[in-house]
Each structure stands twice: as C-alpha cells, then as structure tokens.
Amino acid sequence: MKDNNCFLNMQCIWMASNIVDYKLCDREFNCDSCSFDKSIRNIQHHVSSPKIEDTKSKAQYVIQNVINKIESTEFNSHYHYFSNHLVAKNLFVDTYYLGFSPVMISLMDNYTRIDYCSRGDVVRKDQPILKIVGPWGETDVTAPMDFTCLGHITENRNSAERWFSLIESSRDELQTKSAPVSDYHRDIISVAKELTNFQINYPEIGLTMMDGGIDARYLFQIIGNSKYSDILNTLFHKSLRNGLK
C-alpha cells in the first residue's frame, strides 16, 4: 500500500528530476494548474549565460547540501531535544552534555561562540547561556531549562555532534522541558521550504559572488546576512510551527 506521507511519494516532478532541491507536491500532481511549475519553467527559459549558470550552480550546490543534511537528520531516542534546538545527552546520573541539535549543526557555518555561564553558575530557563557570532551577525542562545553549569567543552566542529557545556539537571526537569521530535520535523520542512523558495524567487542567485572574485562557500553568503540571521534566530528562539517569517 502506498504511503502518502513518504517523502519519495510526495516529491514534485521537479524535485524527482533533480532540477530543484526540495519541493513536495500539494496539488495531486496537477502540474498544469501549479504556479510552482510555471515559475520553474520561466526560470529555465531565462537562464542563458554559461558563466552565470556556472556561478549559479555553485550557489545552488551550497543550498542543496544544507537541505540534504537537514532532511537526513537522525534523532537519538536517548537524547532530550528542546524547542530552541539545543540537545542534552546523559553522561551519568544527573549529569548531561548540552549542545546543538543536528538541524542547527547543518545550518551553522563560519561562526565564533562566546560563552556566558561559568562553572558553578545556577542557570534558569530563558537565561542567556552563549552568543553565536559570525560575519552574518550574532544571536543569543538561552537555556531551555534550569541547570547548573559544570564547565565548558571545547567544540569539535568536525564531529557530527557538537557539545559546548557539561551541566547538571534533574531528569524530570529535562523531560518536562523537552520538545517532541515532531516539532523538529516541522522545522525541517519549514527551513527546506524557505531555502527552496529563495531559489525559486531569486533566479539571479549567485551573481553577486562574481563581484570582487569572491567564491561563496557558506549559506549566509548565498542567501544574505539578514535572511540567514532570521533563520538562526527563529530556530534558536521559537518553534517553526507557523513557518518562517
């Protein structure tokens, strides 16, 4: 029996053809009445310069790579996931690692971390615990629950998991403040949709990379500092249940 909720079965023909990175069909494959289909055909019609196309392809690759990463996100049933995209992993008894969610790891690039809390600090929910700073701007990250900071962890950016603090908190506190994984799935869909819409609505994507000979490698260089900061701020400070604004 066909599973209508399966990503493969819901892929738009343009996504299945690898023309766009992410698009699920919401019109029962009635392409003739689909504005998305018309937009794609219009973009293809206007792309003519080989040099621009090459530059554009590099930009699209950066975005596609991010979308692929967040779509392939795996969730560990033994971890605690929070609505502001932090994750806790139990070490022993009431001691936990605190770090970034796999969704956030896929999005974050070229940044510097500035810590707030120090060893021994009692931290309350919604209290700032660190600042993320980069060429795109900065954003604060707050505590998703009450805990005691036991120390900082040197971040390994080559690791699939990024822990930045060792904390102490009760299991009940973590379970109460944890968010359902279904919220993360909604976030994945919302971010992927936002990035795909950027590609569709801005066919000149990548042109600015030719200015000054700059070769963009990071997502913020492709979509712009403002849009990138908006995405990070939205994820760090609230769930995407109503979509990105």
Protein backbone atom coordinates (compact mmCIF):
# COMPACT_ATOMS: atom_id res chain seq x y z
CA MET A 1 0.00 0.00 0.00
CA LYS A 2 1.36 3.40 -0.99
CA ASP A 3 2.36 5.62 1.90
CA ASN A 4 1.19 9.13 1.01
CA ASN A 5 3.35 10.59 3.77
CA CYS A 6 6.59 9.18 2.34
CA PHE A 7 8.95 11.86 1.04
CA LEU A 8 9.62 9.85 -2.12
CA ASN A 9 5.94 9.56 -2.96
CA MET A 10 5.29 13.24 -2.33
CA GLN A 11 8.18 14.65 -4.36
CA CYS A 12 7.31 17.19 -7.02
CA ILE A 13 8.36 16.13 -10.52
CA TRP A 14 11.00 18.90 -10.50
CA MET A 15 12.50 17.53 -7.27
CA ALA A 16 12.37 13.94 -8.58
CA SER A 17 14.23 15.17 -11.68
CA ASN A 18 16.91 16.85 -9.52
CA ILE A 19 16.04 20.25 -11.01
CA VAL A 20 15.16 21.70 -7.58
CA ASP A 21 16.47 20.53 -4.25
CA TYR A 22 13.23 20.40 -2.28
CA LYS A 23 9.55 20.55 -3.21
CA LEU A 24 6.68 18.32 -2.13
CA CYS A 25 3.59 18.24 -4.35
CA ASP A 26 0.47 19.80 -2.83
CA ARG A 27 -1.69 19.71 -5.99
CA GLU A 28 -2.04 15.97 -6.55
CA PHE A 29 0.41 16.25 -9.47
CA ASN A 30 -1.86 18.54 -11.46
CA CYS A 31 1.10 20.45 -12.94
CA ASP A 32 -1.00 22.49 -15.37
CA SER A 33 -2.55 24.46 -12.52
CA CYS A 34 0.64 24.73 -10.45
CA SER A 35 2.26 28.17 -10.05
CA PHE A 36 5.48 26.48 -8.90
CA ASP A 37 5.69 24.58 -12.18
CA LYS A 38 5.21 27.81 -14.14
CA SER A 39 7.92 29.55 -12.08
CA ILE A 40 10.45 26.80 -12.74
CA ARG A 41 9.77 26.82 -16.47
CA ASN A 42 10.13 30.61 -16.51
CA ILE A 43 13.49 30.45 -14.72
CA GLN A 44 14.82 27.82 -17.10
CA HIS A 45 13.73 29.94 -20.06
CA HIS A 46 15.69 32.99 -18.86
CA VAL A 47 18.94 31.24 -17.89
CA SER A 48 21.25 31.64 -20.87
CA SER A 49 24.76 32.74 -19.83
CA PRO A 50 27.17 29.79 -19.27
CA LYS A 51 29.26 31.86 -16.85
CA ILE A 52 26.24 32.88 -14.80
CA GLU A 53 24.89 29.35 -14.82
CA ASP A 54 28.20 28.02 -13.54
CA THR A 55 28.25 30.52 -10.70
CA LYS A 56 24.61 29.88 -10.00
CA SER A 57 25.26 26.14 -9.85
CA LYS A 58 27.89 26.66 -7.15
CA ALA A 59 25.40 28.64 -5.09
CA GLN A 60 22.68 26.06 -5.58
CA TYR A 61 25.08 23.33 -4.51
CA VAL A 62 25.67 25.09 -1.17
CA ILE A 63 21.91 25.34 -0.56
CA GLN A 64 21.27 21.78 -1.73
CA ASN A 65 23.95 20.48 0.61
CA VAL A 66 22.25 22.17 3.59
CA ILE A 67 18.81 20.90 2.60
CA ASN A 68 20.12 17.37 2.17
CA LYS A 69 21.75 17.46 5.59
CA ILE A 70 18.67 18.64 7.47
CA GLU A 71 16.42 16.21 5.59
CA SER A 72 18.67 13.29 6.55
CA THR A 73 18.67 14.30 10.22
CA GLU A 74 18.55 11.35 12.60
CA PHE A 75 17.18 11.59 16.12
CA ASN A 76 18.52 9.59 19.07
CA SER A 77 15.71 8.32 21.30
CA HIS A 78 18.00 8.59 24.33
CA TYR A 79 18.62 12.34 23.87
CA HIS A 80 16.50 15.26 25.07
CA TYR A 81 15.60 17.72 22.29
CA PHE A 82 14.42 21.24 23.09
CA SER A 83 12.33 23.69 21.05
CA ASN A 84 15.26 26.14 20.73
CA HIS A 85 17.38 23.49 19.00
CA LEU A 86 19.61 22.52 21.87
CA VAL A 87 20.13 18.88 22.82
CA ALA A 88 21.06 17.14 26.08
CA LYS A 89 22.80 13.76 26.32
CA ASN A 90 23.02 11.90 29.62
CA LEU A 91 26.54 11.14 30.85
CA PHE A 92 25.67 9.64 34.24
CA VAL A 93 23.01 10.19 36.92
CA ASP A 94 22.00 13.91 36.62
CA THR A 95 24.99 14.99 34.53
CA TYR A 96 24.50 15.82 30.85
CA TYR A 97 26.25 17.15 27.79
CA LEU A 98 24.49 20.21 26.32
CA GLY A 99 24.92 21.02 22.65
CA PHE A 100 23.32 21.97 19.34
CA SER A 101 20.64 19.95 17.57
CA PRO A 102 21.58 18.13 14.33
CA VAL A 103 19.31 20.55 12.43
CA MET A 104 21.20 23.54 13.78
CA ILE A 105 24.57 21.90 13.11
CA SER A 106 23.57 21.56 9.45
CA LEU A 107 22.76 25.28 9.23
CA MET A 108 25.55 26.86 11.26
CA ASP A 109 28.77 27.77 9.49
CA ASN A 110 31.63 30.23 9.88
CA TYR A 111 30.88 31.42 13.39
CA THR A 112 32.53 32.14 16.74
CA ARG A 113 30.99 31.04 20.02
CA ILE A 114 31.04 33.33 23.08
CA ASP A 115 30.08 31.70 26.37
CA TYR A 116 28.19 33.40 29.18
CA CYS A 117 27.73 30.97 32.06
CA SER A 118 30.71 29.84 34.13
CA ARG A 119 31.44 26.72 36.11
CA GLY A 120 29.23 26.57 39.20
CA ASP A 121 26.62 29.02 37.85
CA VAL A 122 22.99 28.14 38.52
CA VAL A 123 21.21 28.89 35.25
CA ARG A 124 17.47 29.46 34.94
CA LYS A 125 15.28 28.73 31.95
CA ASP A 126 15.42 31.51 29.29
CA GLN A 127 18.64 32.94 30.75
CA PRO A 128 21.30 33.68 28.06
CA ILE A 129 23.99 31.00 28.10
CA LEU A 130 26.03 31.80 25.00
CA LYS A 131 26.28 34.09 21.99
CA ILE A 132 26.85 32.93 18.41
CA VAL A 133 28.79 35.50 16.37
CA GLY A 134 29.73 35.44 12.68
CA PRO A 135 30.23 37.64 9.60
CA TRP A 136 26.44 37.45 9.17
CA GLY A 137 25.70 38.96 12.61
CA GLU A 138 25.03 37.50 16.03
CA THR A 139 22.35 35.77 18.06
CA ASP A 140 21.92 34.85 21.72
CA VAL A 141 21.08 31.33 22.87
CA THR A 142 19.07 30.87 26.06
CA ALA A 143 18.74 27.98 28.48
CA PRO A 144 15.86 25.62 27.62
CA MET A 145 15.57 24.51 31.27
CA ASP A 146 17.09 25.08 34.73
CA PHE A 147 20.56 23.61 35.27
CA THR A 148 23.93 24.07 36.95
CA CYS A 149 26.89 24.68 34.66
CA LEU A 150 29.74 22.26 35.43
CA GLY A 151 32.06 23.61 32.74
CA HIS A 152 32.61 24.28 29.05
CA ILE A 153 33.54 21.75 26.40
CA THR A 154 35.95 22.54 23.59
CA GLU A 155 33.83 22.19 20.48
CA ASN A 156 34.85 19.75 17.77
CA ARG A 157 33.35 21.11 14.56
CA ASN A 158 34.38 18.01 12.62
CA SER A 159 32.11 15.90 14.80
CA ALA A 160 28.51 15.02 13.94
CA GLU A 161 27.63 16.09 17.49
CA ARG A 162 28.58 19.44 18.98
CA TRP A 163 28.55 19.72 22.76
CA PHE A 164 29.50 23.03 24.38
CA SER A 165 28.74 22.54 28.11
CA LEU A 166 28.66 19.94 30.82
CA ILE A 167 25.62 20.52 33.03
CA GLU A 168 23.74 19.10 35.98
CA SER A 169 19.95 18.93 35.95
CA SER A 170 17.22 16.57 37.05
CA ARG A 171 15.72 14.04 34.65
CA ASP A 172 12.26 15.40 35.44
CA GLU A 173 13.35 18.93 34.51
CA LEU A 174 14.69 17.77 31.15
CA GLN A 175 11.68 15.61 30.34
CA THR A 176 9.27 18.44 31.22
CA LYS A 177 11.06 20.98 29.02
CA SER A 178 11.79 18.63 26.11
CA ALA A 179 10.05 19.15 22.77
CA PRO A 180 8.54 16.32 20.68
CA VAL A 181 10.57 15.22 17.66
CA SER A 182 7.50 16.04 15.54
CA ASP A 183 8.29 19.73 16.17
CA TYR A 184 11.73 19.17 14.67
CA HIS A 185 10.20 17.54 11.61
CA ARG A 186 8.05 20.64 11.13
CA ASP A 187 11.16 22.78 11.47
CA ILE A 188 12.94 20.70 8.82
CA ILE A 189 10.07 21.16 6.39
CA SER A 190 9.84 24.90 7.12
CA VAL A 191 13.56 25.57 6.64
CA ALA A 192 13.75 23.44 3.49
CA LYS A 193 10.73 25.28 2.11
CA GLU A 194 12.29 28.66 2.93
CA LEU A 195 15.54 27.80 1.18
CA THR A 196 13.72 26.37 -1.83
CA ASN A 197 11.56 29.48 -2.10
CA PHE A 198 14.72 31.55 -2.13
CA GLN A 199 15.97 29.62 -5.14
CA ILE A 200 12.65 29.95 -6.94
CA ASN A 201 12.04 33.64 -6.25
CA TYR A 202 15.62 34.80 -6.86
CA PRO A 203 16.77 33.33 -10.18
CA GLU A 204 19.76 35.70 -10.14
CA ILE A 205 21.16 33.68 -7.21
CA GLY A 206 24.95 33.57 -7.25
CA LEU A 207 25.53 36.63 -9.41
CA THR A 208 26.95 38.66 -6.53
CA MET A 209 29.64 36.03 -6.00
CA MET A 210 31.37 37.33 -9.10
CA ASP A 211 31.87 40.76 -7.53
CA GLY A 212 35.48 41.05 -6.41
CA GLY A 213 36.12 37.42 -7.32
CA ILE A 214 34.59 36.11 -4.08
CA ASP A 215 33.78 32.40 -4.18
CA ALA A 216 30.91 31.82 -1.74
CA ARG A 217 31.22 28.67 0.35
CA TYR A 218 28.78 29.34 3.17
CA LEU A 219 24.99 29.53 3.29
CA PHE A 220 24.93 33.10 4.63
CA GLN A 221 26.97 34.25 1.61
CA ILE A 222 24.32 32.82 -0.72
CA ILE A 223 21.06 33.86 0.93
CA GLY A 224 22.38 37.05 2.58
CA ASN A 225 23.20 38.01 6.16
CA SER A 226 19.67 39.17 7.01
CA LYS A 227 17.90 36.01 5.81
CA TYR A 228 20.50 33.76 7.41
CA SER A 229 20.25 35.60 10.75
CA ASP A 230 16.45 35.40 10.60
CA ILE A 231 16.57 31.62 10.19
CA LEU A 232 19.00 31.12 13.09
CA ASN A 233 17.09 33.49 15.36
CA THR A 234 13.79 31.79 14.57
CA LEU A 235 15.18 28.35 15.35
CA PHE A 236 17.04 29.41 18.49
CA HIS A 237 14.14 31.38 19.95
CA LYS A 238 10.93 29.61 18.93
CA SER A 239 9.48 26.64 17.11
CA LEU A 240 8.62 26.95 13.43
CA ARG A 241 5.04 25.72 13.83
CA ASN A 242 3.74 28.74 11.95
CA GLY A 243 6.60 28.80 9.45
CA LEU A 244 9.44 31.23 8.99
CA LYS A 245 8.53 34.91 8.67
